[in-house]
Structures are given as C-alpha cells and as structure tokens.
Amino acid sequence: MNPNHILAALLLALGALIALGNWWSLYRSYRTKRFYSPVPLVGAGLLGTGLFLLPATRPFCWSALLLDYGTLMFFLAALRVAEEFWKTSRFNQDSEYVGRAGRKYVRLRLFRHGVFILHLDIQRRPDECDLVSTGTIGTWEREGTRLTLQTRQLETVVFTVAGTAAAEILRASAWLASWEGNPDLSLVGMELARQP
C-alpha cells in the first residue's frame, strides 16, 4: 500500500474527529444555552491535507474549510473583524472632537458609514484605585445642527452643534443614562471641540 494513502487516511480520520467535535460543540451550545468553544484551523488543516494527498480528492481539498465548523466560524469572525477595522481606520475618519473637564478627557471620533467611537480617560492619583478608562461605540447621524449618537446598548445622546465649520463645538444636554449614575462618568455640560 502507498505510504501517502496511509498518511492521507490518518489525517482524514483525525481531521474528521476534530471537525465532528467542533460540530458537537455547536450542538451542545444550542442545547445547553452555554457557549462551548470550537477549535479553529486544526480540523480543516488535517482534512485539507488528507484530501490533498489523494489524487482523486485533490480538487476538493478546499471543502475542508466548510466541513469544519470551528474553521468556518473563525474565517467569518476574521472577516467581521477586518470590516470593523476598516470602518474605524484613520482613512475613514470623518471628524474628531475632544473635551476636557477637570480630570476627565473625552475623545469622540466620527467615521464614514455612520460609526462612532467615544473614549473617556480619567486621570487619577497614583494611590487612587478606580476606573481610569472606558468607552462605547455605535452609530451617528447628523441633521443640521443636531448630532445624534446611538450606542450598541441602544442609548442615545443628542448634541447641539455650535460655532463655525472650522471651530465646531458639541454640547450635550443629557448624557448616556448608564454613565450618569457615576460622577466620574457624567459629562453633562462638557463641550467637545472639533480637531483640525
């Protein structure tokens, strides 16, 4: 018997076991409502290599990517991460606003395609233990002198835009409800100035 055929059979068997385990993790996650993590790349790599070693199955070695749930989800997640990275890259940044009040520093970046990132830093003394940084993301929309942010938690902030196009100022009368209970996070009355 050809040694390549033996190796291919071993790789196919091992890859099939790992792929089945990944599909089983999906079933268990569905049944128990708890997440069971699949193992990406390993099952598909073994299956693909096994299929490639056999001349009859070589044209179908790409199908290993579809047969292994862990690898399939890995590539779909990688595409999603790449899309998010592109949407929030400097190339797609529309405008940036910053504001400072006491020891709080806020940076709001608006991107094309209606995506925003809001980041808050709190400067603390070295002996002070508490939150030093937080942020949120979501979508934005501007209509005239009104800028509306909606977070992924479905909280909304409405800003009034004042000043000239070169020196815009954002003012919010109310802030994120989840932040308002904490005096360190409350930003009511803070002005955010557009950066050049």
Protein backbone atom coordinates (compact mmCIF):
# COMPACT_ATOMS: atom_id res chain seq x y z
CA MET A 1 0.00 0.00 0.00
CA ASN A 2 1.16 3.51 -0.86
CA PRO A 3 2.53 5.39 2.22
CA ASN A 4 0.79 8.57 1.01
CA HIS A 5 -2.56 6.76 1.15
CA ILE A 6 -1.92 5.60 4.72
CA LEU A 7 -0.91 9.10 5.80
CA ALA A 8 -3.93 10.58 4.00
CA ALA A 9 -6.27 8.13 5.73
CA LEU A 10 -4.80 9.00 9.15
CA LEU A 11 -5.04 12.73 8.51
CA LEU A 12 -8.61 12.39 7.23
CA ALA A 13 -9.65 10.33 10.25
CA LEU A 14 -8.06 12.71 12.74
CA GLY A 15 -9.39 15.79 10.93
CA ALA A 16 -12.89 14.26 10.75
CA LEU A 17 -12.82 13.61 14.52
CA ILE A 18 -11.86 17.19 15.27
CA ALA A 19 -14.43 18.54 12.80
CA LEU A 20 -17.13 16.35 14.38
CA GLY A 21 -16.08 17.61 17.81
CA ASN A 22 -16.48 21.19 16.57
CA TRP A 23 -19.97 20.47 15.23
CA TRP A 24 -20.75 18.75 18.54
CA SER A 25 -19.70 21.93 20.38
CA LEU A 26 -22.23 23.86 18.29
CA TYR A 27 -24.97 21.36 19.18
CA ARG A 28 -24.05 21.45 22.89
CA SER A 29 -24.04 25.25 22.86
CA TYR A 30 -27.52 25.22 21.34
CA ARG A 31 -28.87 22.54 23.71
CA THR A 32 -27.46 23.87 26.98
CA LYS A 33 -27.53 27.62 26.14
CA ARG A 34 -23.89 27.77 27.28
CA PHE A 35 -21.07 28.51 24.86
CA TYR A 36 -18.68 25.66 24.00
CA SER A 37 -15.70 26.87 22.03
CA PRO A 38 -14.72 25.07 18.81
CA VAL A 39 -11.09 24.54 17.79
CA PRO A 40 -10.36 26.52 14.60
CA LEU A 41 -7.99 25.58 11.76
CA VAL A 42 -6.76 22.22 13.13
CA GLY A 43 -9.60 20.02 11.84
CA ALA A 44 -9.76 21.79 8.47
CA GLY A 45 -5.96 21.70 8.14
CA LEU A 46 -5.83 17.95 8.71
CA LEU A 47 -8.83 17.27 6.47
CA GLY A 48 -7.49 19.52 3.71
CA THR A 49 -4.04 17.94 3.83
CA GLY A 50 -5.55 14.45 3.75
CA LEU A 51 -7.72 15.33 0.77
CA PHE A 52 -4.76 16.94 -1.00
CA LEU A 53 -2.58 13.83 -0.62
CA LEU A 54 -5.07 11.67 -2.52
CA PRO A 55 -5.06 12.47 -6.26
CA ALA A 56 -8.77 11.64 -6.61
CA THR A 57 -9.82 14.08 -3.87
CA ARG A 58 -7.23 16.81 -4.51
CA PRO A 59 -9.68 19.12 -6.38
CA PHE A 60 -11.94 19.06 -3.31
CA CYS A 61 -9.38 19.88 -0.61
CA TRP A 62 -10.86 23.39 -0.27
CA SER A 63 -14.09 21.83 1.05
CA ALA A 64 -12.33 21.15 4.37
CA LEU A 65 -12.96 24.81 5.22
CA LEU A 66 -16.71 24.17 5.02
CA LEU A 67 -16.65 20.78 6.74
CA ASP A 68 -15.08 22.10 9.94
CA TYR A 69 -17.40 24.39 11.91
CA GLY A 70 -14.55 25.84 14.00
CA THR A 71 -12.60 26.99 10.95
CA LEU A 72 -15.70 28.24 9.17
CA MET A 73 -16.62 30.41 12.17
CA PHE A 74 -13.01 31.58 12.51
CA PHE A 75 -12.97 32.91 8.94
CA LEU A 76 -16.40 34.53 9.29
CA ALA A 77 -15.23 36.21 12.52
CA ALA A 78 -11.99 37.31 10.84
CA LEU A 79 -14.00 38.92 8.03
CA ARG A 80 -16.12 40.74 10.61
CA VAL A 81 -13.02 41.97 12.47
CA ALA A 82 -11.46 43.15 9.18
CA GLU A 83 -14.68 45.02 8.31
CA GLU A 84 -14.78 46.70 11.75
CA PHE A 85 -11.10 47.58 11.48
CA TRP A 86 -11.64 49.17 8.07
CA LYS A 87 -14.71 51.13 9.20
CA THR A 88 -12.78 52.62 12.13
CA SER A 89 -9.46 53.16 10.36
CA ARG A 90 -7.94 56.63 10.04
CA PHE A 91 -8.72 56.53 6.29
CA ASN A 92 -12.45 56.55 7.07
CA GLN A 93 -12.41 59.10 9.88
CA ASP A 94 -14.79 61.97 9.19
CA SER A 95 -14.09 64.18 12.21
CA GLU A 96 -12.74 64.17 15.75
CA TYR A 97 -13.87 66.09 18.84
CA VAL A 98 -12.13 66.34 22.21
CA GLY A 99 -13.08 67.84 25.53
CA ARG A 100 -11.61 68.18 29.00
CA ALA A 101 -13.34 68.86 32.31
CA GLY A 102 -11.28 68.57 35.46
CA ARG A 103 -9.58 65.20 35.33
CA LYS A 104 -11.84 63.83 32.57
CA TYR A 105 -10.68 63.74 28.95
CA VAL A 106 -13.13 62.73 26.18
CA ARG A 107 -12.35 61.86 22.59
CA LEU A 108 -15.19 61.35 20.09
CA ARG A 109 -14.29 60.10 16.62
CA LEU A 110 -16.88 60.01 13.85
CA PHE A 111 -16.27 57.76 10.87
CA ARG A 112 -17.85 57.49 7.46
CA HIS A 113 -20.56 54.83 7.20
CA GLY A 114 -22.08 56.25 10.42
CA VAL A 115 -19.80 54.63 13.02
CA PHE A 116 -18.51 56.43 16.12
CA ILE A 117 -16.04 55.65 18.92
CA LEU A 118 -16.27 57.54 22.21
CA HIS A 119 -13.38 57.19 24.65
CA LEU A 120 -13.18 58.63 28.19
CA ASP A 121 -9.96 58.81 30.25
CA ILE A 122 -9.92 59.75 33.92
CA GLN A 123 -6.64 60.97 35.37
CA ARG A 124 -6.19 59.62 38.88
CA ARG A 125 -3.54 59.98 41.54
CA PRO A 126 -1.10 57.05 41.77
CA ASP A 127 -2.59 55.96 45.11
CA GLU A 128 -6.20 56.11 43.83
CA CYS A 129 -7.81 52.85 42.68
CA ASP A 130 -10.83 53.11 40.40
CA LEU A 131 -11.87 53.27 36.75
CA VAL A 132 -9.31 55.05 34.57
CA SER A 133 -10.71 54.50 31.08
CA THR A 134 -13.92 53.45 29.35
CA GLY A 135 -15.64 53.90 26.04
CA THR A 136 -18.51 52.97 23.80
CA ILE A 137 -19.23 52.55 20.10
CA GLY A 138 -22.29 52.83 17.91
CA THR A 139 -23.80 54.80 15.07
CA TRP A 140 -24.14 58.52 14.44
CA GLU A 141 -26.33 60.75 12.34
CA ARG A 142 -26.20 64.48 11.72
CA GLU A 143 -29.08 66.70 10.67
CA GLY A 144 -28.18 70.39 10.50
CA THR A 145 -27.03 71.49 13.96
CA ARG A 146 -28.08 68.24 15.64
CA LEU A 147 -25.72 65.27 16.06
CA THR A 148 -27.26 62.04 17.40
CA LEU A 149 -25.23 59.11 18.75
CA GLN A 150 -26.79 55.73 19.41
CA THR A 151 -24.73 53.13 21.26
CA ARG A 152 -24.96 49.38 20.71
CA GLN A 153 -26.80 49.26 24.06
CA LEU A 154 -29.47 51.47 22.39
CA GLU A 155 -28.70 54.53 24.48
CA THR A 156 -28.95 57.87 22.68
CA VAL A 157 -27.09 61.15 23.13
CA VAL A 158 -28.08 64.26 21.22
CA PHE A 159 -25.54 67.04 20.72
CA THR A 160 -26.14 70.60 19.59
CA VAL A 161 -23.51 71.75 17.12
CA ALA A 162 -22.40 75.37 17.58
CA GLY A 163 -19.69 77.54 16.08
CA THR A 164 -18.26 77.73 12.59
CA ALA A 165 -17.29 74.74 10.44
CA ALA A 166 -13.61 75.27 11.34
CA ALA A 167 -14.29 75.63 15.08
CA GLU A 168 -17.31 73.45 15.83
CA ILE A 169 -18.34 72.79 19.43
CA LEU A 170 -20.59 69.95 20.56
CA ARG A 171 -22.80 70.35 23.65
CA ALA A 172 -24.97 67.61 25.16
CA SER A 173 -27.86 68.45 27.48
CA ALA A 174 -28.16 64.83 28.65
CA TRP A 175 -25.60 62.07 28.59
CA LEU A 176 -25.63 58.28 28.47
CA ALA A 177 -28.03 57.01 31.15
CA SER A 178 -25.64 54.22 32.15
CA TRP A 179 -22.87 56.79 32.74
CA GLU A 180 -24.93 59.41 34.58
CA GLY A 181 -25.13 57.46 37.86
CA ASN A 182 -21.36 57.69 38.27
CA PRO A 183 -19.96 61.21 38.90
CA ASP A 184 -16.68 60.20 37.25
CA LEU A 185 -18.50 59.36 34.02
CA SER A 186 -21.08 62.13 33.90
CA LEU A 187 -20.22 64.57 31.13
CA VAL A 188 -23.23 66.87 31.19
CA GLY A 189 -22.16 70.40 30.33
CA MET A 190 -18.82 69.35 28.82
CA GLU A 191 -18.01 70.89 25.44
CA LEU A 192 -16.25 68.90 22.77
CA ALA A 193 -14.22 70.93 20.26
CA ARG A 194 -13.58 69.78 16.70
CA GLN A 195 -9.94 69.00 15.98
CA PRO A 196 -8.25 70.23 12.79
